């Protein structure tokens, strides 16, 4: 097992800006399900901060570059960053990674993963976002 087997199961395609909102949320949710400790272990992977690695030197970085929602909605040139991300509408303006202070990053859903390997907060947030996007 390796990064490649993990990607085949949980990150089969790279995200694109042209994905629909629902497809981008589903892509993100699948990735975060794959980042659960049990799924990393199943594929022989180790997490350190944002980096997922295998014993063969394979590496996957959990960041804006590997997030379908960031890919679709993040636009530094327009200075909107996360403003259009559907997560922000579900959380009343709170980003998944930050809300104003350095302390907030550690307590954010993304920060909980980076520093504790905890995925349940991000998964719950994505499930809530998907439910809202589908209107259920």
Protein backbone atom coordinates (compact mmCIF):
# COMPACT_ATOMS: atom_id res chain seq x y z
CA UNK A 1 0.00 0.00 0.00
CA UNK A 2 1.16 3.52 -0.72
CA UNK A 3 0.21 7.07 -1.61
CA UNK A 4 -0.78 5.74 -5.02
CA UNK A 5 -3.21 3.16 -3.59
CA UNK A 6 -4.62 5.81 -1.26
CA UNK A 7 -5.12 8.24 -4.16
CA UNK A 8 -6.83 5.56 -6.22
CA UNK A 9 -9.39 5.12 -3.43
CA UNK A 10 -9.75 8.63 -2.00
CA UNK A 11 -8.33 11.12 -4.52
CA UNK A 12 -8.91 9.52 -7.93
CA UNK A 13 -8.90 12.81 -9.89
CA UNK A 14 -7.30 16.16 -9.30
CA UNK A 15 -9.84 18.92 -8.67
CA UNK A 16 -10.52 21.58 -11.26
CA UNK A 17 -11.93 25.10 -11.13
CA UNK A 18 -14.72 23.97 -13.46
CA UNK A 19 -16.17 21.37 -11.07
CA UNK A 20 -19.71 22.01 -9.92
CA UNK A 21 -20.18 23.10 -6.32
CA UNK A 22 -21.61 19.72 -5.33
CA UNK A 23 -18.84 17.79 -7.11
CA UNK A 24 -16.21 19.94 -5.39
CA UNK A 25 -17.77 19.31 -1.96
CA UNK A 26 -18.02 15.57 -2.67
CA UNK A 27 -14.39 15.51 -3.85
CA UNK A 28 -13.31 17.24 -0.63
CA UNK A 29 -15.41 14.94 1.52
CA UNK A 30 -13.91 11.83 -0.10
CA UNK A 31 -10.39 13.19 0.48
CA UNK A 32 -11.13 13.91 4.15
CA UNK A 33 -12.66 10.47 4.65
CA UNK A 34 -9.38 9.14 3.27
CA UNK A 35 -7.40 11.22 5.76
CA UNK A 36 -8.94 9.42 8.74
CA UNK A 37 -6.24 7.70 10.78
CA UNK A 38 -7.73 4.27 10.01
CA UNK A 39 -7.59 4.89 6.25
CA UNK A 40 -4.05 6.26 6.39
CA UNK A 41 -3.00 3.19 8.37
CA UNK A 42 -4.76 0.87 5.89
CA UNK A 43 -2.56 2.31 3.13
CA UNK A 44 0.62 2.38 5.23
CA UNK A 45 0.74 6.17 5.37
CA UNK A 46 1.98 8.56 8.02
CA UNK A 47 0.72 12.08 8.63
CA UNK A 48 2.96 14.90 9.81
CA UNK A 49 1.28 18.31 9.79
CA UNK A 50 -0.04 18.74 6.24
CA UNK A 51 2.13 16.02 4.72
CA UNK A 52 1.01 12.45 4.13
CA UNK A 53 3.82 10.09 3.19
CA UNK A 54 4.58 6.45 2.54
CA UNK A 55 7.72 4.38 3.09
CA UNK A 56 8.66 4.61 -0.59
CA UNK A 57 9.04 8.39 -0.60
CA UNK A 58 5.57 9.14 -1.93
CA UNK A 59 4.01 12.30 -0.60
CA UNK A 60 0.65 14.09 -0.63
CA UNK A 61 0.21 17.59 0.78
CA UNK A 62 -3.13 18.55 2.28
CA UNK A 63 -3.43 22.21 1.34
CA UNK A 64 -5.32 24.66 -0.84
CA UNK A 65 -3.64 23.09 -3.86
CA UNK A 66 -5.23 19.70 -3.13
CA UNK A 67 -8.65 21.01 -2.05
CA UNK A 68 -11.44 21.03 -4.62
CA UNK A 69 -13.23 23.87 -2.82
CA UNK A 70 -10.09 26.00 -2.66
CA UNK A 71 -9.40 25.20 -6.30
CA UNK A 72 -12.88 26.34 -7.28
CA UNK A 73 -13.37 29.36 -5.00
CA UNK A 74 -10.00 30.72 -3.87
CA UNK A 75 -8.89 33.72 -5.93
CA UNK A 76 -5.99 35.70 -4.52
CA UNK A 77 -6.00 38.03 -7.53
CA UNK A 78 -9.48 39.26 -6.69
CA UNK A 79 -8.67 39.28 -2.95
CA UNK A 80 -11.71 37.12 -2.22
CA UNK A 81 -9.79 34.14 -0.82
CA UNK A 82 -12.49 32.02 0.82
CA UNK A 83 -15.42 34.45 0.60
CA UNK A 84 -17.27 32.42 -2.05
CA UNK A 85 -16.54 29.00 -0.56
CA UNK A 86 -19.76 27.22 0.43
CA UNK A 87 -18.19 26.32 3.79
CA UNK A 88 -18.13 30.02 4.67
CA UNK A 89 -21.87 30.35 4.05
CA UNK A 90 -22.58 27.34 6.29
CA UNK A 91 -20.41 28.71 9.11
CA UNK A 92 -21.62 32.33 8.88
CA UNK A 93 -18.33 33.67 7.59
CA UNK A 94 -15.86 31.38 9.35
CA UNK A 95 -13.24 29.71 7.17
CA UNK A 96 -12.24 26.09 7.69
CA UNK A 97 -8.70 27.13 8.58
CA UNK A 98 -8.82 30.52 10.24
CA UNK A 99 -11.05 33.15 11.79
CA UNK A 100 -8.93 36.09 12.79
CA UNK A 101 -6.26 35.09 15.29
CA UNK A 102 -3.38 32.63 15.36
CA UNK A 103 -5.16 30.70 18.10
CA UNK A 104 -8.15 30.20 15.82
CA UNK A 105 -6.05 28.23 13.33
CA UNK A 106 -5.21 25.59 15.93
CA UNK A 107 -8.87 25.25 16.85
CA UNK A 108 -10.20 25.32 13.28
CA UNK A 109 -11.29 22.09 11.55
CA UNK A 110 -8.18 22.21 9.34
CA UNK A 111 -5.92 23.07 12.28
CA UNK A 112 -7.26 20.11 14.24
CA UNK A 113 -6.07 17.88 11.42
CA UNK A 114 -2.69 19.55 11.03
CA UNK A 115 -1.81 19.41 14.72
CA UNK A 116 -3.81 16.43 16.00
CA UNK A 117 -4.56 14.30 12.93
CA UNK A 118 -8.27 14.78 13.70
CA UNK A 119 -10.61 14.67 10.70
CA UNK A 120 -14.05 14.52 12.31
CA UNK A 121 -14.51 18.30 12.43
CA UNK A 122 -13.72 18.81 8.76
CA UNK A 123 -15.85 15.82 7.75
CA UNK A 124 -18.81 17.12 9.76
CA UNK A 125 -18.38 20.57 8.23
CA UNK A 126 -18.25 19.14 4.71
CA UNK A 127 -21.31 16.95 5.31
CA UNK A 128 -23.24 20.00 6.54
CA UNK A 129 -22.03 21.99 3.52
CA UNK A 130 -23.08 19.23 1.12
CA UNK A 131 -26.49 18.97 2.75
CA UNK A 132 -27.02 22.72 2.34
CA UNK A 133 -25.77 22.69 -1.26
CA UNK A 134 -28.24 19.92 -2.10
CA UNK A 135 -31.04 21.79 -0.32
CA UNK A 136 -31.84 19.00 2.13
